[in-house]
Structure formats: C-alpha cells, structure tokens
Amino acid sequence: MSKPKRERVLADNEAKAVARMLRVSPQKLNLVAQMIRGRKASAALADLQFSRKRIAVDVKKCLESAIANAENNHDLEVDDLVVAEAHVGNGLVMKRFAPRGRGRSGRIYKPFSHLTIVVREVEAEASA
C-alpha cells in the first residue's frame, strides 16, 4: 500500500544533477554555465578542468554527477552525451554588515546559487 511512483519529468534519453547552495552569485555562476551549454560532455569537462574560475570546480563536480546518473541510472552511452541545459537559480542571500567611515556601516550581500545540469544522449552522426 505505497503511493504510486512519480512520473519521470525528463525524457528517456536525459539525466540531470542539481548542485544546491553554491557560495557564489548567480551572475558569476552563469558565466561558467554558459561556457558548457550545448557542448559535448567530454569537451565541457575539459573546459571546466582548465578554467581559472573558482566555481568551475563545483560545476565540474555537478557535471560529473549528471554523467554518472546517465550511465548508471538510465543506461545512456557516455560518449554520446551533450549538455542540453545548464541553468542557474537564486539561493538565499546572507546579509552582513561591515564598518565604514565616520561611524557608519555598509551592507554586504553574500549570495548563494543553485545549478541544474541536464545531459542528453544524441545519436552519433553517421559519417559516410
């Protein structure tokens, strides 16, 4: 007497991974996510490996997780995977105060972000 199984949101040739509460502003995270959108998974991993952005390490970890989900949970071929989506969402924003001149204080925002990566298996193009 368990509840019915939830329908799958993604297509059968897709897998996703979500990284939540990344300590970076969504604007900066989106610059890195933009770099990998639409690329083959292997090329995207190589780009992230040599990126000089600090957050690229966490994005790479999330992409590796999405690839592992595709391989282990959905039986997709790793060599045919493409980054279909990489979208960034707002997390919470911690507000802090820092001292300023003449006895005043300034507000400091410390934003968090969420990252969702969807990989899709595409058919290998037949080269004649």
C-alpha atoms as a PDB file:
ATOM      1  CA  MET A   1       0.000   0.000   0.000  1.00  0.00           C
ATOM      2  CA  SER A   2       2.603   2.525  -1.028  1.00  0.00           C
ATOM      3  CA  LYS A   3       1.875   5.657  -3.001  1.00  0.00           C
ATOM      4  CA  PRO A   4       2.152   5.442  -6.794  1.00  0.00           C
ATOM      5  CA  LYS A   5       5.536   6.029  -8.382  1.00  0.00           C
ATOM      6  CA  ARG A   6       6.118   9.608  -9.545  1.00  0.00           C
ATOM      7  CA  GLU A   7       6.230  10.089 -13.304  1.00  0.00           C
ATOM      8  CA  ARG A   8       9.618  10.985 -14.758  1.00  0.00           C
ATOM      9  CA  VAL A   9       9.902  14.650 -15.751  1.00  0.00           C
ATOM     10  CA  LEU A  10      12.804  14.213 -18.179  1.00  0.00           C
ATOM     11  CA  ALA A  11      12.816  12.287 -21.447  1.00  0.00           C
ATOM     12  CA  ASP A  12      14.208   8.750 -21.565  1.00  0.00           C
ATOM     13  CA  ASN A  13      17.458   9.946 -23.159  1.00  0.00           C
ATOM     14  CA  GLU A  14      18.155  12.574 -20.464  1.00  0.00           C
ATOM     15  CA  ALA A  15      19.641  12.658 -16.979  1.00  0.00           C
ATOM     16  CA  LYS A  16      20.197  15.523 -14.571  1.00  0.00           C
ATOM     17  CA  ALA A  17      22.116  16.581 -11.497  1.00  0.00           C
ATOM     18  CA  VAL A  18      21.487  19.525  -9.173  1.00  0.00           C
ATOM     19  CA  ALA A  19      24.062  21.355  -7.064  1.00  0.00           C
ATOM     20  CA  ARG A  20      22.387  23.461  -4.397  1.00  0.00           C
ATOM     21  CA  MET A  21      23.678  26.228  -2.149  1.00  0.00           C
ATOM     22  CA  LEU A  22      26.840  27.042  -4.096  1.00  0.00           C
ATOM     23  CA  ARG A  23      28.537  30.005  -2.430  1.00  0.00           C
ATOM     24  CA  VAL A  24      28.769  32.269  -5.484  1.00  0.00           C
ATOM     25  CA  SER A  25      26.498  34.866  -7.046  1.00  0.00           C
ATOM     26  CA  PRO A  26      24.181  33.576  -9.772  1.00  0.00           C
ATOM     27  CA  GLN A  27      25.673  36.082 -12.220  1.00  0.00           C
ATOM     28  CA  LYS A  28      29.190  34.662 -11.801  1.00  0.00           C
ATOM     29  CA  LEU A  29      27.948  31.071 -11.876  1.00  0.00           C
ATOM     30  CA  ASN A  30      26.036  31.741 -15.084  1.00  0.00           C
ATOM     31  CA  LEU A  31      29.268  32.805 -16.826  1.00  0.00           C
ATOM     32  CA  VAL A  32      30.693  29.330 -16.193  1.00  0.00           C
ATOM     33  CA  ALA A  33      27.403  27.566 -17.028  1.00  0.00           C
ATOM     34  CA  GLN A  34      27.287  29.473 -20.330  1.00  0.00           C
ATOM     35  CA  MET A  35      30.673  28.026 -21.218  1.00  0.00           C
ATOM     36  CA  ILE A  36      29.370  24.429 -21.241  1.00  0.00           C
ATOM     37  CA  ARG A  37      25.825  24.784 -22.632  1.00  0.00           C
ATOM     38  CA  GLY A  38      25.328  22.784 -25.814  1.00  0.00           C
ATOM     39  CA  ARG A  39      28.791  21.189 -25.737  1.00  0.00           C
ATOM     40  CA  LYS A  40      29.702  17.525 -25.707  1.00  0.00           C
ATOM     41  CA  ALA A  41      30.150  16.282 -22.151  1.00  0.00           C
ATOM     42  CA  SER A  42      33.816  15.383 -22.658  1.00  0.00           C
ATOM     43  CA  ALA A  43      34.613  18.830 -24.106  1.00  0.00           C
ATOM     44  CA  ALA A  44      32.709  20.542 -21.295  1.00  0.00           C
ATOM     45  CA  LEU A  45      34.693  18.590 -18.678  1.00  0.00           C
ATOM     46  CA  ALA A  46      37.951  19.633 -20.354  1.00  0.00           C
ATOM     47  CA  ASP A  47      36.860  23.293 -20.395  1.00  0.00           C
ATOM     48  CA  LEU A  48      35.992  23.200 -16.707  1.00  0.00           C
ATOM     49  CA  GLN A  49      39.251  21.418 -15.852  1.00  0.00           C
ATOM     50  CA  PHE A  50      41.312  24.309 -17.219  1.00  0.00           C
ATOM     51  CA  SER A  51      39.018  27.191 -16.313  1.00  0.00           C
ATOM     52  CA  ARG A  52      40.507  29.770 -13.957  1.00  0.00           C
ATOM     53  CA  LYS A  53      37.184  30.472 -12.253  1.00  0.00           C
ATOM     54  CA  ARG A  54      36.947  29.211  -8.664  1.00  0.00           C
ATOM     55  CA  ILE A  55      33.402  27.918  -9.069  1.00  0.00           C
ATOM     56  CA  ALA A  56      34.384  25.775 -12.093  1.00  0.00           C
ATOM     57  CA  VAL A  57      35.422  23.036  -9.634  1.00  0.00           C
ATOM     58  CA  ASP A  58      31.851  22.756  -8.296  1.00  0.00           C
ATOM     59  CA  VAL A  59      30.330  22.958 -11.786  1.00  0.00           C
ATOM     60  CA  LYS A  60      32.644  20.141 -12.917  1.00  0.00           C
ATOM     61  CA  LYS A  61      31.570  18.041  -9.941  1.00  0.00           C
ATOM     62  CA  CYS A  62      27.903  18.574 -10.828  1.00  0.00           C
ATOM     63  CA  LEU A  63      28.522  17.708 -14.494  1.00  0.00           C
ATOM     64  CA  GLU A  64      30.360  14.526 -13.491  1.00  0.00           C
ATOM     65  CA  SER A  65      27.381  13.625 -11.308  1.00  0.00           C
ATOM     66  CA  ALA A  66      24.969  14.148 -14.212  1.00  0.00           C
ATOM     67  CA  ILE A  67      27.150  11.947 -16.440  1.00  0.00           C
ATOM     68  CA  ALA A  68      27.293   9.249 -13.745  1.00  0.00           C
ATOM     69  CA  ASN A  69      23.489   9.407 -13.345  1.00  0.00           C
ATOM     70  CA  ALA A  70      23.097   8.974 -17.108  1.00  0.00           C
ATOM     71  CA  GLU A  71      25.426   5.993 -17.175  1.00  0.00           C
ATOM     72  CA  ASN A  72      24.349   4.149 -14.028  1.00  0.00           C
ATOM     73  CA  ASN A  73      20.673   5.003 -13.591  1.00  0.00           C
ATOM     74  CA  HIS A  74      19.472   5.438 -17.173  1.00  0.00           C
ATOM     75  CA  ASP A  75      21.878   3.238 -19.182  1.00  0.00           C
ATOM     76  CA  LEU A  76      22.912   6.010 -21.570  1.00  0.00           C
ATOM     77  CA  GLU A  77      26.110   5.981 -23.634  1.00  0.00           C
ATOM     78  CA  VAL A  78      28.664   8.376 -22.073  1.00  0.00           C
ATOM     79  CA  ASP A  79      30.414   9.168 -25.365  1.00  0.00           C
ATOM     80  CA  ASP A  80      27.169  10.475 -26.919  1.00  0.00           C
ATOM     81  CA  LEU A  81      26.191  12.834 -24.087  1.00  0.00           C
ATOM     82  CA  VAL A  82      25.675  16.563 -24.679  1.00  0.00           C
ATOM     83  CA  VAL A  83      24.998  19.249 -22.058  1.00  0.00           C
ATOM     84  CA  ALA A  84      21.391  20.038 -23.004  1.00  0.00           C
ATOM     85  CA  GLU A  85      20.705  22.511 -20.187  1.00  0.00           C
ATOM     86  CA  ALA A  86      22.760  24.257 -17.548  1.00  0.00           C
ATOM     87  CA  HIS A  87      20.606  26.724 -15.687  1.00  0.00           C
ATOM     88  CA  VAL A  88      21.260  28.781 -12.602  1.00  0.00           C
ATOM     89  CA  GLY A  89      18.817  29.773  -9.880  1.00  0.00           C
ATOM     90  CA  ASN A  90      18.943  32.095  -6.914  1.00  0.00           C
ATOM     91  CA  GLY A  91      19.621  30.672  -3.490  1.00  0.00           C
ATOM     92  CA  LEU A  92      19.369  32.567  -0.257  1.00  0.00           C
ATOM     93  CA  VAL A  93      21.315  35.758   0.378  1.00  0.00           C
ATOM     94  CA  MET A  94      23.113  36.241   3.696  1.00  0.00           C
ATOM     95  CA  LYS A  95      23.238  39.859   4.755  1.00  0.00           C
ATOM     96  CA  ARG A  96      26.192  41.082   6.767  1.00  0.00           C
ATOM     97  CA  PHE A  97      27.408  44.491   7.911  1.00  0.00           C
ATOM     98  CA  ALA A  98      30.903  45.895   7.633  1.00  0.00           C
ATOM     99  CA  PRO A  99      32.174  49.074   9.292  1.00  0.00           C
ATOM    100  CA  ARG A 100      32.543  52.149   7.103  1.00  0.00           C
ATOM    101  CA  GLY A 101      33.971  55.584   7.684  1.00  0.00           C
ATOM    102  CA  ARG A 102      32.564  58.139  10.109  1.00  0.00           C
ATOM    103  CA  GLY A 103      30.809  55.572  12.302  1.00  0.00           C
ATOM    104  CA  ARG A 104      28.569  54.201   9.609  1.00  0.00           C
ATOM    105  CA  SER A 105      28.082  50.639   8.403  1.00  0.00           C
ATOM    106  CA  GLY A 106      27.693  49.170   4.957  1.00  0.00           C
ATOM    107  CA  ARG A 107      25.615  46.186   3.968  1.00  0.00           C
ATOM    108  CA  ILE A 108      27.434  43.184   2.466  1.00  0.00           C
ATOM    109  CA  TYR A 109      25.451  40.614   0.455  1.00  0.00           C
ATOM    110  CA  LYS A 110      26.708  37.017   0.377  1.00  0.00           C
ATOM    111  CA  PRO A 111      24.587  35.253  -2.248  1.00  0.00           C
ATOM    112  CA  PHE A 112      24.136  31.522  -2.860  1.00  0.00           C
ATOM    113  CA  SER A 113      23.103  29.822  -6.112  1.00  0.00           C
ATOM    114  CA  HIS A 114      21.597  26.594  -7.383  1.00  0.00           C
ATOM    115  CA  LEU A 115      22.859  24.861 -10.539  1.00  0.00           C
ATOM    116  CA  THR A 116      20.936  22.296 -12.600  1.00  0.00           C
ATOM    117  CA  ILE A 117      22.680  20.387 -15.384  1.00  0.00           C
ATOM    118  CA  VAL A 118      20.756  18.168 -17.812  1.00  0.00           C
ATOM    119  CA  VAL A 119      22.702  15.894 -20.158  1.00  0.00           C
ATOM    120  CA  ARG A 120      21.068  14.347 -23.223  1.00  0.00           C
ATOM    121  CA  GLU A 121      22.157  11.390 -25.318  1.00  0.00           C
ATOM    122  CA  VAL A 122      22.261  12.303 -29.007  1.00  0.00           C
ATOM    123  CA  GLU A 123      22.686   9.807 -31.796  1.00  0.00           C
ATOM    124  CA  ALA A 124      26.240   9.749 -33.176  1.00  0.00           C
ATOM    125  CA  GLU A 125      26.260  11.274 -36.666  1.00  0.00           C
ATOM    126  CA  ALA A 126      26.908   8.642 -39.302  1.00  0.00           C
ATOM    127  CA  SER A 127      29.977   9.713 -41.282  1.00  0.00           C
ATOM    128  CA  ALA A 128      29.869   8.313 -44.807  1.00  0.00           C
END
